[in-house]
Amino acid sequence: MLLAAPLAARAEDQLTAVTASVLATPEAVLADDGRQHLAYELTLSNRASTEVTVKSIEVLAGRKVVGRLAGKGLAAMMSPFAAPKLGNRLQPGQGGYVLMDVSFPGKAKLPRRIVHRIAISEKKPSPANATTYVAAPTPVVRTPAVVVAPPLRGAGWVVANGCCDAFTAHRGTVLPVNGANHVAERFAIDFVQVGSNGRIFDGPGDMLSSYRYFGEPIYSATKGKVVRVLDGIPETPAGAFPPNPTAQTAGGNHVVVDMGRGRYAFYAHLQPGSITVRVGQRVSTGQVLGMLGNTGNSDAPHLHFHVMDSPSPLASNGMPYRFANFAVTGTMTNVGPFSEEGAVAAIAPKPRGPRSKMLPLNDQVIDFGG
């Protein structure tokens, strides 16, 4: 029996040293800058036997370039796996990911589909490999992001580690959980509060009582059913992270509420013994869930809030959301030094003003009202 000869490769087929895929289908969210943001991640893998530099990534909607990362900008948003720092080089067999943020005008019609044009160079070039090619097609979810109520009350709340265009502790947290990569914290916010004196705390920085917002009530941002509660984790002294946090204890004492339609709200780092709800209980919007604390993987009192696509705080993907109403009072410009003892917040006066059905952006200072 004669074997059939292999089919000839199509003319457009190319060998590509770096493969790419979209970790989760991007979903648009209208943010405070008046633009619709697609915040998502590309996962990359270097299949070559030599070091590869990713030179640029362009996002295409049809033939139109709607986003681009290159040079230092790309290196600042790309993280090779198991690497000590950010960068746009992948060693042989190494993988990594790129944080993408493609934005469109607030009233623009979003594309149904996007693809990515990748340009690379190899340390030891192979003439068989393409240096520019298209990869990682993905549909775009164009349904407006869910609207939720504020989980806090009052003014001076800082949107720490927020979305969307910086490599923050949340956006950069791509975790391998249960055998798959997840980005539960894609749209997460750590809320800390600036006092009227411009400080996050008064007194010794390692004492929780120095933080005047410690113990503030946490309100349910939606109606729904409580599907997960963890309590009993002790407070951590401020100023240092606890040793050896686990996947189970990272969120500290927390509550997960099933909002319906495949969305779950996560409230983390609550005070021990303060949680007022139980699994199976139905809650209403604005109902108190517990008190702001400093439990789990946290070095200062804050509320960690995000919306996700499963009841697991880690084995899930973060979903966009918008707050029904809030006011922007400025933008923090010294977030790092701000946490030092005696430091006073430097707040730029712009942007400012009332907002409706938007996601606040990283480092903004917002007022949720009474």
Foldseek 3Di string as FASTA:
>chain_A
DDDDDDDDDDPPDAAAQKAKAWQDAWEWEQAPVQKTKGKTKIKMWGQDQFKKFWAKKFKDQPNDTQDMAGDPLFQQFKDKPPDPGGGRMAGHGTMIMGIDIGIDHNPDDDGQKMKMWIAMDTPDDDPRHDRIDIHHMHGYHHPYAAAWAAQAAFFAKWFAQADDRGCGPQCVDFDQDPNGTARLRRGKTWIAGQDPQQAQFDDDQQAQVRGVQFFGFTWGRAWAFWADWDADFAAGGADDFDPDFDLVFQQPTWIWGPRDPQKIKIKGAFHHPFADDDGGDIDHGGHTGGTFGHTHGGRHTTIMIFMFRDRRSGPTYTGDYFYAKKWWQFFWDPVPCSSDPPDGTDGHRPDTGMDGGHRYGHRTIMHSHD
